[in-house]
C-alpha cells in the first residue's frame, strides 16, 4: 500500500510539474508573439512618419 501511495504521489507531482511547465512555455510564446507584433507595428509607424516628414 505504501508503494502505491508513493507511486501515485510521484505521478501526480510529475503531472502537475508538466502542466505548469507547459503553461509557462505557452505564456512565453504568446508574450513573444505580442512583443514581435508590437515591434512590427512600431517600425511601420516610424516608416510612415518618415515618409510624411519627407513629403512635407
N, C-alpha and C. Protein backbone atom coordinates (compact mmCIF):
# COMPACT_ATOMS: atom_id res chain seq x y z
N UNK A 1 0.82 -1.20 0.00
CA UNK A 1 0.00 0.00 0.00
C UNK A 1 0.87 1.26 0.00
N UNK A 2 1.98 1.22 0.78
CA UNK A 2 2.88 2.38 0.82
C UNK A 2 3.48 2.66 -0.56
N UNK A 3 3.82 1.58 -1.26
CA UNK A 3 4.42 1.75 -2.58
C UNK A 3 3.41 2.37 -3.55
N UNK A 4 2.15 1.97 -3.44
CA UNK A 4 1.11 2.53 -4.30
C UNK A 4 0.95 4.03 -4.03
N UNK A 5 0.93 4.43 -2.77
CA UNK A 5 0.78 5.84 -2.40
C UNK A 5 1.98 6.64 -2.89
N UNK A 6 3.16 6.09 -2.71
CA UNK A 6 4.37 6.79 -3.16
C UNK A 6 4.37 6.94 -4.67
N UNK A 7 4.00 5.90 -5.39
CA UNK A 7 3.96 5.96 -6.85
C UNK A 7 2.91 6.97 -7.31
N UNK A 8 1.76 6.96 -6.67
CA UNK A 8 0.70 7.92 -7.01
C UNK A 8 1.17 9.34 -6.77
N UNK A 9 1.85 9.57 -5.67
CA UNK A 9 2.37 10.91 -5.36
C UNK A 9 3.37 11.36 -6.42
N UNK A 10 4.25 10.47 -6.83
CA UNK A 10 5.25 10.81 -7.85
C UNK A 10 4.57 11.13 -9.18
N UNK A 11 3.59 10.32 -9.56
CA UNK A 11 2.90 10.55 -10.82
C UNK A 11 2.14 11.88 -10.79
N UNK A 12 1.45 12.16 -9.69
CA UNK A 12 0.72 13.42 -9.58
C UNK A 12 1.66 14.62 -9.59
N UNK A 13 2.76 14.51 -8.87
CA UNK A 13 3.73 15.60 -8.83
C UNK A 13 4.32 15.85 -10.22
N UNK A 14 4.64 14.78 -10.91
CA UNK A 14 5.19 14.91 -12.26
C UNK A 14 4.16 15.52 -13.21
N UNK A 15 2.91 15.11 -13.09
CA UNK A 15 1.86 15.67 -13.94
C UNK A 15 1.67 17.16 -13.68
N UNK A 16 1.63 17.55 -12.43
CA UNK A 16 1.47 18.97 -12.09
C UNK A 16 2.67 19.77 -12.59
N UNK A 17 3.86 19.26 -12.41
CA UNK A 17 5.06 19.96 -12.89
C UNK A 17 5.01 20.10 -14.42
N UNK A 18 4.57 19.07 -15.11
CA UNK A 18 4.47 19.12 -16.56
C UNK A 18 3.45 20.16 -17.02
N UNK A 19 2.31 20.21 -16.35
CA UNK A 19 1.28 21.18 -16.70
C UNK A 19 1.78 22.60 -16.46
N UNK A 20 2.42 22.83 -15.32
CA UNK A 20 2.95 24.17 -15.02
C UNK A 20 4.02 24.59 -16.02
N UNK A 21 4.87 23.66 -16.40
CA UNK A 21 5.90 23.95 -17.39
C UNK A 21 5.28 24.29 -18.74
N UNK A 22 4.28 23.51 -19.15
CA UNK A 22 3.60 23.76 -20.41
C UNK A 22 2.94 25.14 -20.41
N UNK A 23 2.29 25.50 -19.30
CA UNK A 23 1.65 26.81 -19.21
C UNK A 23 2.68 27.93 -19.32
N UNK A 24 3.84 27.75 -18.69
CA UNK A 24 4.90 28.76 -18.74
C UNK A 24 5.42 28.91 -20.17
N UNK A 25 5.63 27.81 -20.86
CA UNK A 25 6.12 27.85 -22.24
C UNK A 25 5.11 28.55 -23.13
N UNK A 26 3.84 28.22 -22.99
CA UNK A 26 2.80 28.86 -23.79
C UNK A 26 2.70 30.35 -23.48
N UNK A 27 2.80 30.70 -22.21
CA UNK A 27 2.75 32.10 -21.82
C UNK A 27 3.91 32.88 -22.45
N UNK A 28 5.09 32.31 -22.40
CA UNK A 28 6.26 32.96 -23.00
C UNK A 28 6.10 33.09 -24.51
N UNK A 29 5.54 32.07 -25.15
CA UNK A 29 5.35 32.12 -26.60
C UNK A 29 4.37 33.23 -26.97
N UNK A 30 3.28 33.31 -26.23
CA UNK A 30 2.28 34.35 -26.51
C UNK A 30 2.87 35.73 -26.28
N UNK A 31 3.61 35.89 -25.17
CA UNK A 31 4.23 37.19 -24.89
C UNK A 31 5.22 37.56 -25.99
N UNK A 32 6.00 36.61 -26.46
CA UNK A 32 6.95 36.89 -27.54
C UNK A 32 6.23 37.25 -28.83
N UNK A 33 5.10 36.57 -29.12
CA UNK A 33 4.33 36.90 -30.31
C UNK A 33 3.80 38.32 -30.22
N UNK A 34 3.29 38.70 -29.05
CA UNK A 34 2.78 40.05 -28.87
C UNK A 34 3.90 41.08 -28.99
N UNK A 35 5.06 40.77 -28.43
CA UNK A 35 6.20 41.69 -28.50
C UNK A 35 6.64 41.88 -29.95
N UNK A 36 6.72 40.78 -30.69
CA UNK A 36 7.11 40.86 -32.11
C UNK A 36 6.10 41.68 -32.91
N UNK A 37 4.82 41.51 -32.62
CA UNK A 37 3.79 42.29 -33.31
C UNK A 37 3.94 43.78 -32.98
N UNK A 38 4.20 44.08 -31.71
CA UNK A 38 4.37 45.49 -31.32
C UNK A 38 5.59 46.10 -32.01
N UNK A 39 6.67 45.36 -32.12
CA UNK A 39 7.85 45.87 -32.81
C UNK A 39 7.57 46.11 -34.29
N UNK A 40 6.82 45.21 -34.92
CA UNK A 40 6.49 45.36 -36.33
C UNK A 40 5.64 46.61 -36.55
N UNK A 41 4.65 46.81 -35.70
CA UNK A 41 3.79 47.99 -35.82
C UNK A 41 4.60 49.26 -35.59
N UNK A 42 5.51 49.22 -34.63
CA UNK A 42 6.34 50.39 -34.35
C UNK A 42 7.19 50.76 -35.56
N UNK A 43 7.77 49.77 -36.21
CA UNK A 43 8.59 50.03 -37.41
C UNK A 43 7.72 50.61 -38.52
N UNK A 44 6.51 50.05 -38.69
CA UNK A 44 5.62 50.58 -39.73
C UNK A 44 5.25 52.04 -39.43
N UNK A 45 4.98 52.36 -38.19
CA UNK A 45 4.64 53.72 -37.82
C UNK A 45 5.83 54.66 -38.03
N UNK A 46 7.03 54.19 -37.68
CA UNK A 46 8.22 55.01 -37.91
C UNK A 46 8.43 55.28 -39.40
N UNK A 47 8.22 54.27 -40.22
CA UNK A 47 8.39 54.44 -41.67
C UNK A 47 7.34 55.41 -42.21
N UNK A 48 6.11 55.30 -41.74
CA UNK A 48 5.05 56.20 -42.20
C UNK A 48 5.35 57.64 -41.78
N UNK A 49 5.85 57.82 -40.57
CA UNK A 49 6.19 59.17 -40.09
C UNK A 49 7.36 59.72 -40.89
N UNK A 50 8.32 58.87 -41.22
CA UNK A 50 9.48 59.31 -42.01
C UNK A 50 9.04 59.73 -43.43
N UNK A 51 8.15 58.95 -44.04
CA UNK A 51 7.66 59.30 -45.38
C UNK A 51 6.88 60.62 -45.32
N UNK A 52 6.07 60.78 -44.29
CA UNK A 52 5.28 62.00 -44.16
C UNK A 52 6.20 63.22 -43.95
N UNK A 53 7.27 63.06 -43.21
CA UNK A 53 8.21 64.14 -42.99
C UNK A 53 8.94 64.51 -44.29
N UNK A 54 9.21 63.52 -45.13
CA UNK A 54 9.88 63.79 -46.40
C UNK A 54 8.97 64.55 -47.37
N UNK A 55 7.68 64.25 -47.33
CA UNK A 55 6.73 64.90 -48.24
C UNK A 55 6.35 66.30 -47.78
N UNK A 56 6.65 66.65 -46.57
CA UNK A 56 6.26 67.98 -46.05
C UNK A 56 7.25 69.04 -46.45
